[in-house]
C-alpha atoms as a PDB file:
ATOM      1  CA  MET A   1     129.365   4.981 -13.435  1.00  0.00           C
ATOM      2  CA  GLU A   2     129.577   6.924 -16.698  1.00  0.00           C
ATOM      3  CA  HIS A   3     131.675  10.088 -16.796  1.00  0.00           C
ATOM      4  CA  ILE A   4     131.289  12.621 -19.607  1.00  0.00           C
ATOM      5  CA  ILE A   5     134.652  13.998 -20.662  1.00  0.00           C
ATOM      6  CA  THR A   6     134.642  17.513 -22.086  1.00  0.00           C
ATOM      7  CA  PRO A   7     137.196  20.350 -21.956  1.00  0.00           C
ATOM      8  CA  THR A   8     135.434  21.648 -18.839  1.00  0.00           C
ATOM      9  CA  ALA A   9     136.421  18.439 -17.021  1.00  0.00           C
ATOM     10  CA  ASN A  10     139.774  20.147 -16.582  1.00  0.00           C
ATOM     11  CA  LYS A  11     139.459  22.582 -13.678  1.00  0.00           C
ATOM     12  CA  LEU A  12     141.770  25.170 -15.204  1.00  0.00           C
ATOM     13  CA  LEU A  13     139.955  25.218 -18.541  1.00  0.00           C
ATOM     14  CA  ALA A  14     136.589  25.292 -16.777  1.00  0.00           C
ATOM     15  CA  SER A  15     137.607  28.487 -14.993  1.00  0.00           C
ATOM     16  CA  LEU A  16     138.148  30.515 -18.151  1.00  0.00           C
ATOM     17  CA  PRO A  17     135.561  33.094 -19.181  1.00  0.00           C
ATOM     18  CA  PRO A  18     133.536  32.180 -22.306  1.00  0.00           C
ATOM     19  CA  ASN A  19     135.494  34.398 -24.701  1.00  0.00           C
ATOM     20  CA  GLU A  20     138.871  32.897 -23.733  1.00  0.00           C
ATOM     21  CA  PHE A  21     137.505  29.362 -23.488  1.00  0.00           C
ATOM     22  CA  ASP A  22     135.834  29.438 -26.909  1.00  0.00           C
ATOM     23  CA  HIS A  23     138.979  30.862 -28.514  1.00  0.00           C
ATOM     24  CA  LEU A  24     141.266  28.237 -26.973  1.00  0.00           C
ATOM     25  CA  VAL A  25     139.238  25.026 -27.394  1.00  0.00           C
ATOM     26  CA  PRO A  26     139.501  24.695 -31.219  1.00  0.00           C
ATOM     27  CA  LYS A  27     143.276  24.437 -30.882  1.00  0.00           C
ATOM     28  CA  LEU A  28     143.082  21.463 -28.511  1.00  0.00           C
ATOM     29  CA  GLU A  29     143.363  17.846 -29.557  1.00  0.00           C
ATOM     30  CA  GLN A  30     142.418  14.788 -27.551  1.00  0.00           C
ATOM     31  CA  VAL A  31     145.088  12.198 -26.694  1.00  0.00           C
ATOM     32  CA  GLU A  32     145.065   8.968 -24.705  1.00  0.00           C
ATOM     33  CA  LEU A  33     147.889   8.488 -22.224  1.00  0.00           C
ATOM     34  CA  ALA A  34     148.835   5.013 -21.020  1.00  0.00           C
ATOM     35  CA  PHE A  35     150.308   4.237 -17.618  1.00  0.00           C
ATOM     36  CA  GLY A  36     154.071   4.699 -17.722  1.00  0.00           C
ATOM     37  CA  LYS A  37     154.131   6.791 -20.905  1.00  0.00           C
ATOM     38  CA  LYS A  38     156.931   9.348 -20.805  1.00  0.00           C
ATOM     39  CA  ILE A  39     155.368  12.595 -22.007  1.00  0.00           C
ATOM     40  CA  PHE A  40     158.684  14.392 -22.106  1.00  0.00           C
ATOM     41  CA  ASP A  41     162.112  13.847 -20.583  1.00  0.00           C
ATOM     42  CA  ARG A  42     164.504  16.291 -18.996  1.00  0.00           C
ATOM     43  CA  GLY A  43     166.378  18.180 -21.684  1.00  0.00           C
ATOM     44  CA  GLU A  44     163.806  17.407 -24.379  1.00  0.00           C
ATOM     45  CA  ARG A  45     161.902  20.073 -26.272  1.00  0.00           C
ATOM     46  CA  ILE A  46     158.348  20.574 -25.008  1.00  0.00           C
ATOM     47  CA  GLY A  47     156.227  20.379 -28.138  1.00  0.00           C
ATOM     48  CA  HIS A  48     152.813  20.490 -26.438  1.00  0.00           C
ATOM     49  CA  VAL A  49     151.159  21.591 -23.221  1.00  0.00           C
ATOM     50  CA  TYR A  50     148.675  19.129 -21.729  1.00  0.00           C
ATOM     51  CA  PHE A  51     145.411  19.590 -19.852  1.00  0.00           C
ATOM     52  CA  PRO A  52     144.717  16.266 -18.070  1.00  0.00           C
ATOM     53  CA  ILE A  53     141.104  15.140 -18.070  1.00  0.00           C
ATOM     54  CA  SER A  54     141.061  11.661 -16.550  1.00  0.00           C
ATOM     55  CA  THR A  55     144.750  10.992 -15.973  1.00  0.00           C
ATOM     56  CA  VAL A  56     147.500  12.161 -13.629  1.00  0.00           C
ATOM     57  CA  THR A  57     151.153  12.862 -14.381  1.00  0.00           C
ATOM     58  CA  THR A  58     154.118  12.528 -12.044  1.00  0.00           C
ATOM     59  CA  LEU A  59     156.936  15.065 -12.375  1.00  0.00           C
ATOM     60  CA  LEU A  60     160.385  13.629 -11.696  1.00  0.00           C
ATOM     61  CA  THR A  61     163.630  15.482 -11.196  1.00  0.00           C
ATOM     62  CA  VAL A  62     166.630  13.616 -12.597  1.00  0.00           C
ATOM     63  CA  GLY A  63     169.892  13.631 -10.677  1.00  0.00           C
ATOM     64  CA  PRO A  64     173.353  12.083 -11.012  1.00  0.00           C
ATOM     65  CA  LEU A  65     173.472   8.544 -12.408  1.00  0.00           C
ATOM     66  CA  ASP A  66     169.903   9.104 -13.671  1.00  0.00           C
ATOM     67  CA  LEU A  67     168.475   8.787 -10.148  1.00  0.00           C
ATOM     68  CA  THR A  68     164.952  10.208  -9.989  1.00  0.00           C
ATOM     69  CA  LEU A  69     162.714  11.778  -7.343  1.00  0.00           C
ATOM     70  CA  GLU A  70     159.090  12.917  -7.465  1.00  0.00           C
ATOM     71  CA  ILE A  71     158.642  16.687  -7.213  1.00  0.00           C
ATOM     72  CA  GLY A  72     154.958  17.025  -8.062  1.00  0.00           C
ATOM     73  CA  LEU A  73     151.760  15.706  -9.609  1.00  0.00           C
ATOM     74  CA  VAL A  74     149.483  17.242 -12.232  1.00  0.00           C
ATOM     75  CA  GLY A  75     145.945  15.987 -12.770  1.00  0.00           C
ATOM     76  CA  PRO A  76     142.617  17.389 -13.972  1.00  0.00           C
ATOM     77  CA  GLU A  77     143.173  20.465 -11.828  1.00  0.00           C
ATOM     78  CA  GLY A  78     145.848  21.968 -14.045  1.00  0.00           C
ATOM     79  CA  ILE A  79     148.284  22.044 -16.926  1.00  0.00           C
ATOM     80  CA  LEU A  80     151.492  20.233 -17.842  1.00  0.00           C
ATOM     81  CA  GLY A  81     154.251  22.145 -19.638  1.00  0.00           C
ATOM     82  CA  LEU A  82     154.612  25.323 -17.577  1.00  0.00           C
ATOM     83  CA  PRO A  83     158.167  26.148 -18.789  1.00  0.00           C
ATOM     84  CA  VAL A  84     156.601  27.183 -22.106  1.00  0.00           C
ATOM     85  CA  ILE A  85     155.112  30.344 -20.583  1.00  0.00           C
ATOM     86  CA  ALA A  86     158.619  31.434 -19.547  1.00  0.00           C
ATOM     87  CA  GLY A  87     159.739  31.134 -23.151  1.00  0.00           C
ATOM     88  CA  ASP A  88     161.736  27.989 -22.405  1.00  0.00           C
ATOM     89  CA  LYS A  89     160.630  24.930 -24.367  1.00  0.00           C
ATOM     90  CA  VAL A  90     163.291  22.655 -22.860  1.00  0.00           C
ATOM     91  CA  ALA A  91     161.936  20.439 -20.075  1.00  0.00           C
ATOM     92  CA  PRO A  92     163.760  20.789 -16.728  1.00  0.00           C
ATOM     93  CA  TYR A  93     162.185  17.563 -15.443  1.00  0.00           C
ATOM     94  CA  CYS A  94     160.672  14.297 -16.643  1.00  0.00           C
ATOM     95  CA  ALA A  95     156.883  13.879 -16.900  1.00  0.00           C
ATOM     96  CA  VAL A  96     155.356  10.390 -16.803  1.00  0.00           C
ATOM     97  CA  ALA A  97     151.684   9.401 -17.037  1.00  0.00           C
ATOM     98  CA  GLN A  98     150.652   7.698 -13.810  1.00  0.00           C
ATOM     99  CA  ALA A  99     147.186   6.551 -14.891  1.00  0.00           C
ATOM    100  CA  ASN A 100     145.534   5.437 -18.110  1.00  0.00           C
ATOM    101  CA  GLY A 101     143.305   8.253 -19.258  1.00  0.00           C
ATOM    102  CA  THR A 102     142.527  11.183 -21.507  1.00  0.00           C
ATOM    103  CA  ALA A 103     144.191  14.568 -21.850  1.00  0.00           C
ATOM    104  CA  LEU A 104     143.774  17.512 -24.175  1.00  0.00           C
ATOM    105  CA  ARG A 105     146.879  19.060 -25.640  1.00  0.00           C
ATOM    106  CA  MET A 106     147.855  22.141 -27.619  1.00  0.00           C
ATOM    107  CA  SER A 107     151.051  22.909 -29.478  1.00  0.00           C
ATOM    108  CA  ALA A 108     153.486  25.009 -27.466  1.00  0.00           C
ATOM    109  CA  GLU A 109     153.460  27.678 -30.174  1.00  0.00           C
ATOM    110  CA  ASP A 110     149.664  28.000 -30.139  1.00  0.00           C
ATOM    111  CA  PHE A 111     149.608  28.098 -26.352  1.00  0.00           C
ATOM    112  CA  GLU A 112     152.146  30.936 -26.236  1.00  0.00           C
ATOM    113  CA  ILE A 113     149.857  32.977 -28.486  1.00  0.00           C
ATOM    114  CA  GLU A 114     146.738  32.180 -26.443  1.00  0.00           C
ATOM    115  CA  TYR A 115     148.532  32.919 -23.180  1.00  0.00           C
ATOM    116  CA  SER A 116     149.778  36.316 -24.354  1.00  0.00           C
ATOM    117  CA  ASN A 117     146.239  37.398 -25.322  1.00  0.00           C
ATOM    118  CA  ALA A 118     144.187  35.985 -22.430  1.00  0.00           C
ATOM    119  CA  GLU A 119     144.206  37.962 -19.188  1.00  0.00           C
ATOM    120  CA  THR A 120     142.271  35.446 -17.074  1.00  0.00           C
ATOM    121  CA  LEU A 121     144.362  32.538 -18.364  1.00  0.00           C
ATOM    122  CA  GLN A 122     147.511  34.418 -17.368  1.00  0.00           C
ATOM    123  CA  ARG A 123     146.198  35.014 -13.847  1.00  0.00           C
ATOM    124  CA  ILE A 124     145.119  31.388 -13.376  1.00  0.00           C
ATOM    125  CA  ILE A 125     148.397  30.006 -14.756  1.00  0.00           C
ATOM    126  CA  LEU A 126     150.390  32.210 -12.371  1.00  0.00           C
ATOM    127  CA  ARG A 127     148.331  30.954  -9.450  1.00  0.00           C
ATOM    128  CA  PHE A 128     148.766  27.362 -10.596  1.00  0.00           C
ATOM    129  CA  SER A 129     152.528  27.939 -10.935  1.00  0.00           C
ATOM    130  CA  TYR A 130     152.598  29.086  -7.320  1.00  0.00           C
ATOM    131  CA  VAL A 131     150.768  25.933  -6.203  1.00  0.00           C
ATOM    132  CA  LYS A 132     153.269  23.768  -8.106  1.00  0.00           C
ATOM    133  CA  MET A 133     156.150  25.692  -6.515  1.00  0.00           C
ATOM    134  CA  VAL A 134     154.730  24.972  -3.053  1.00  0.00           C
ATOM    135  CA  GLN A 135     154.222  21.326  -4.004  1.00  0.00           C
ATOM    136  CA  ALA A 136     157.797  20.949  -5.269  1.00  0.00           C
ATOM    137  CA  SER A 137     159.331  22.631  -2.215  1.00  0.00           C
ATOM    138  CA  LEU A 138     157.313  20.470   0.162  1.00  0.00           C
ATOM    139  CA  ALA A 139     158.170  17.323  -1.804  1.00  0.00           C
ATOM    140  CA  SER A 140     161.858  18.169  -1.388  1.00  0.00           C
ATOM    141  CA  ALA A 141     161.475  18.822   2.336  1.00  0.00           C
ATOM    142  CA  CYS A 142     159.383  15.688   2.726  1.00  0.00           C
ATOM    143  CA  HIS A 143     162.111  13.610   1.088  1.00  0.00           C
ATOM    144  CA  ARG A 144     164.727  15.077   3.409  1.00  0.00           C
ATOM    145  CA  PHE A 145     162.887  14.859   6.725  1.00  0.00           C
ATOM    146  CA  HIS A 146     160.209  12.152   6.496  1.00  0.00           C
ATOM    147  CA  GLU A 147     160.549   8.397   6.388  1.00  0.00           C
ATOM    148  CA  THR A 148     159.787   6.430   3.244  1.00  0.00           C
ATOM    149  CA  GLU A 149     156.446   5.118   4.511  1.00  0.00           C
ATOM    150  CA  LYS A 150     154.995   8.573   5.138  1.00  0.00           C
ATOM    151  CA  ARG A 151     156.216   9.831   1.767  1.00  0.00           C
ATOM    152  CA  LEU A 152     154.622   6.822   0.108  1.00  0.00           C
ATOM    153  CA  VAL A 153     151.318   7.557   1.860  1.00  0.00           C
ATOM    154  CA  ARG A 154     151.466  11.200   0.737  1.00  0.00           C
ATOM    155  CA  TRP A 155     151.988  10.168  -2.884  1.00  0.00           C
ATOM    156  CA  ILE A 156     149.159   7.585  -2.752  1.00  0.00           C
ATOM    157  CA  LEU A 157     146.709  10.145  -1.357  1.00  0.00           C
ATOM    158  CA  MET A 158     147.718  12.872  -3.820  1.00  0.00           C
ATOM    159  CA  THR A 159     147.321  10.493  -6.749  1.00  0.00           C
ATOM    160  CA  SER A 160     143.950   9.272  -5.478  1.00  0.00           C
ATOM    161  CA  ASP A 161     142.760  12.875  -5.119  1.00  0.00           C
ATOM    162  CA  ARG A 162     143.499  13.609  -8.762  1.00  0.00           C
ATOM    163  CA  ILE A 163     141.995  10.508 -10.353  1.00  0.00           C
ATOM    164  CA  ALA A 164     139.065  10.463  -7.899  1.00  0.00           C
ATOM    165  CA  THR A 165     139.277   6.759  -7.156  1.00  0.00           C
ATOM    166  CA  SER A 166     140.554   4.507  -4.380  1.00  0.00           C
ATOM    167  CA  GLU A 167     142.274   2.192  -6.882  1.00  0.00           C
ATOM    168  CA  ILE A 168     145.640   3.122  -8.386  1.00  0.00           C
ATOM    169  CA  LEU A 169     147.592   1.314 -11.114  1.00  0.00           C
ATOM    170  CA  VAL A 170     151.266   1.399 -10.134  1.00  0.00           C
ATOM    171  CA  THR A 171     154.334  -0.832 -10.141  1.00  0.00           C
ATOM    172  CA  ARG A 172     156.824  -1.124  -7.315  1.00  0.00           C
ATOM    173  CA  ASP A 173     159.592  -0.311  -9.765  1.00  0.00           C
ATOM    174  CA  PHE A 174     157.945   3.019 -10.529  1.00  0.00           C
ATOM    175  CA  LEU A 175     157.576   3.757  -6.823  1.00  0.00           C
ATOM    176  CA  THR A 176     161.294   3.234  -6.278  1.00  0.00           C
ATOM    177  CA  LYS A 177     161.868   5.928  -8.914  1.00  0.00           C
ATOM    178  CA  ILE A 178     159.485   8.509  -7.483  1.00  0.00           C
ATOM    179  CA  LEU A 179     160.620   7.903  -3.901  1.00  0.00           C
ATOM    180  CA  GLY A 180     164.308   7.797  -4.787  1.00  0.00           C
ATOM    181  CA  GLU A 181     164.789   4.685  -2.635  1.00  0.00           C
ATOM    182  CA  ARG A 182     166.155   1.166  -3.004  1.00  0.00           C
ATOM    183  CA  PRO A 183     163.577  -1.555  -3.820  1.00  0.00           C
ATOM    184  CA  GLU A 184     163.999  -3.232  -0.440  1.00  0.00           C
ATOM    185  CA  THR A 185     163.236   0.056   1.342  1.00  0.00           C
ATOM    186  CA  VAL A 186     160.033   0.500  -0.659  1.00  0.00           C
ATOM    187  CA  ASP A 187     159.115  -3.148  -0.016  1.00  0.00           C
ATOM    188  CA  ARG A 188     159.368  -2.581   3.742  1.00  0.00           C
ATOM    189  CA  ALA A 189     157.139   0.493   3.545  1.00  0.00           C
ATOM    190  CA  PHE A 190     154.593  -1.474   1.497  1.00  0.00           C
ATOM    191  CA  ALA A 191     154.630  -4.357   3.979  1.00  0.00           C
ATOM    192  CA  SER A 192     154.057  -2.007   6.894  1.00  0.00           C
ATOM    193  CA  LEU A 193     151.040  -0.384   5.233  1.00  0.00           C
ATOM    194  CA  GLU A 194     149.587  -3.722   4.131  1.00  0.00           C
ATOM    195  CA  ASN A 195     150.020  -5.288   7.582  1.00  0.00           C
ATOM    196  CA  ARG A 196     147.955  -2.442   9.079  1.00  0.00           C
ATOM    197  CA  ASN A 197     145.332  -2.822   6.319  1.00  0.00           C
ATOM    198  CA  LEU A 198     145.960   0.728   5.106  1.00  0.00           C
ATOM    199  CA  ILE A 199     146.485  -0.479   1.533  1.00  0.00           C
ATOM    200  CA  LYS A 200     145.951  -3.640  -0.489  1.00  0.00           C
ATOM    201  CA  TYR A 201     148.265  -4.407  -3.383  1.00  0.00           C
ATOM    202  CA  SER A 202     148.054  -7.141  -5.984  1.00  0.00           C
ATOM    203  CA  ARG A 203     149.081  -7.380  -9.645  1.00  0.00           C
ATOM    204  CA  ASN A 204     150.153  -3.722  -9.851  1.00  0.00           C
ATOM    205  CA  ARG A 205     146.829  -2.492  -8.433  1.00  0.00           C
ATOM    206  CA  LEU A 206     146.874  -0.578  -5.182  1.00  0.00           C
ATOM    207  CA  VAL A 207     143.570  -0.199  -3.322  1.00  0.00           C
ATOM    208  CA  ILE A 208     142.792   2.130  -0.405  1.00  0.00           C
ATOM    209  CA  PRO A 209     140.353   0.243   1.867  1.00  0.00           C
ATOM    210  CA  ASP A 210     140.065   2.997   4.505  1.00  0.00           C
ATOM    211  CA  ARG A 211     140.753   6.547   3.335  1.00  0.00           C
ATOM    212  CA  VAL A 212     140.417   8.108   6.803  1.00  0.00           C
ATOM    213  CA  ALA A 213     142.919   5.692   8.333  1.00  0.00           C
ATOM    214  CA  LEU A 214     145.385   6.257   5.496  1.00  0.00           C
ATOM    215  CA  GLU A 215     145.163  10.037   5.894  1.00  0.00           C
ATOM    216  CA  ALA A 216     145.917   9.622   9.592  1.00  0.00           C
ATOM    217  CA  ALA A 217     149.167   7.881   8.608  1.00  0.00           C
ATOM    218  CA  ALA A 218     150.275  10.690   6.283  1.00  0.00           C
ATOM    219  CA  CYS A 219     152.786  13.393   7.119  1.00  0.00           C
ATOM    220  CA  LYS A 220     151.654  17.015   7.487  1.00  0.00           C
ATOM    221  CA  CYS A 221     152.958  17.771   4.000  1.00  0.00           C
ATOM    222  CA  TYR A 222     149.917  16.065   2.487  1.00  0.00           C
ATOM    223  CA  LYS A 223     147.403  18.356   4.214  1.00  0.00           C
ATOM    224  CA  ILE A 224     149.369  21.484   3.281  1.00  0.00           C
ATOM    225  CA  ILE A 225     149.496  20.454  -0.384  1.00  0.00           C
ATOM    226  CA  ARG A 226     145.823  19.440  -0.366  1.00  0.00           C
ATOM    227  CA  ASP A 227     144.803  22.794   1.112  1.00  0.00           C
ATOM    228  CA  GLU A 228     146.809  24.649  -1.536  1.00  0.00           C
ATOM    229  CA  ASP A 229     145.114  22.577  -4.241  1.00  0.00           C
ATOM    230  CA  ASP A 230     141.683  23.274  -2.753  1.00  0.00           C
ATOM    231  CA  ASN A 231     142.393  27.016  -2.692  1.00  0.00           C
ATOM    232  CA  PHE A 232     143.835  27.053  -6.205  1.00  0.00           C
ATOM    233  CA  MET A 233     140.580  28.101  -7.903  1.00  0.00           C
ATOM    234  CA  PRO A 234     138.182  30.396  -6.014  1.00  0.00           C
ATOM    235  CA  ALA A 235     134.505  29.456  -6.276  1.00  0.00           C
ATOM    236  CA  GLN A 236     133.620  32.660  -8.114  1.00  0.00           C
ATOM    237  CA  GLU A 237     136.050  31.817 -10.933  1.00  0.00           C
ATOM    238  CA  THR A 238     134.886  28.246 -11.395  1.00  0.00           C
ATOM    239  CA  ALA A 239     131.319  29.528 -11.450  1.00  0.00           C
ATOM    240  CA  GLU A 240     132.086  31.735 -14.455  1.00  0.00           C
ATOM    241  CA  ARG A 241     131.624  28.719 -16.715  1.00  0.00           C
ATOM    242  CA  SER A 242     128.421  27.441 -15.106  1.00  0.00           C
ATOM    243  CA  THR A 243     127.020  26.767 -18.556  1.00  0.00           C
ATOM    244  CA  VAL A 244     128.683  25.073 -21.500  1.00  0.00           C
ATOM    245  CA  PRO A 245     128.052  26.795 -24.862  1.00  0.00           C
ATOM    246  CA  SER A 246     127.571  23.564 -26.762  1.00  0.00           C
ATOM    247  CA  SER A 247     127.547  19.817 -26.301  1.00  0.00           C
ATOM    248  CA  ILE A 248     129.790  19.615 -29.374  1.00  0.00           C
ATOM    249  CA  TYR A 249     133.328  20.958 -29.106  1.00  0.00           C
ATOM    250  CA  THR A 250     135.602  21.638 -32.047  1.00  0.00           C
ATOM    251  CA  LEU A 251     138.977  20.150 -31.122  1.00  0.00           C
ATOM    252  CA  GLY A 252     141.853  20.494 -33.552  1.00  0.00           C
ATOM    253  CA  GLY A 253     139.513  21.586 -36.292  1.00  0.00           C
ATOM    254  CA  LYS A 254     137.191  18.593 -35.833  1.00  0.00           C
ATOM    255  CA  LYS A 255     133.821  18.612 -34.132  1.00  0.00           C
ATOM    256  CA  THR A 256     134.085  16.282 -31.175  1.00  0.00           C
ATOM    257  CA  PRO A 257     131.180  15.283 -28.925  1.00  0.00           C
ATOM    258  CA  PRO A 258     131.733  14.661 -25.215  1.00  0.00           C
ATOM    259  CA  ILE A 259     133.274  11.245 -24.575  1.00  0.00           C
ATOM    260  CA  ALA A 260     131.575   8.736 -22.324  1.00  0.00           C
ATOM    261  CA  VAL A 261     133.964   6.730 -20.155  1.00  0.00           C
ATOM    262  CA  LEU A 262     132.520   3.741 -18.338  1.00  0.00           C
END
């Protein structure tokens, strides 16, 4: 199937009114993110904010001895680089691309200017920040109270939701980092899910053969996070951009047609 990638493929951008959207788009540039690419690390300066189009990013908190734990995901529903709006360009967490795909980015300086002058953008960003806060708090509680298998299922479903596919590119090494567990613990969780035919995994490709069955194996945290994501953008706001002003967008000063991804 062919998917047309435009700025409106990002749910947050698509919700802006025409005047804010048209003012913001020329300052965006298109970038390709490869699986495993570290977008920024904890303590690094955030030079750009990112609007994922066909990729998803995992947010990792970094603890003692460089141990990591997943605290959230950002996909085509939102924006990566929220600390910038608080005037803090130093990343408090690590952000890693979890899927090959496209994103649009804007320099942190340009985004600060756009944010200060765009009322609807401010309102949507605040709502998105709340959703991410809920996601991070639930991820922490999930890590404390739920077994590795259920946390793995939650992460698989959340990633699948954002890239809209039942096939996920992921390594077991990466999963040990996001789950904060030893490799043998993750291996046991994998084996349990595979033995019940809830997932299939081969050559770093994880496939969901039965979505309904996998959801039944998830902890309640997944449904709470999914409901918050679904309620993030009211229908009346997403309808504001029911028409696109042009099939040609000017990104970073260059006219860029929509991109076809097969």
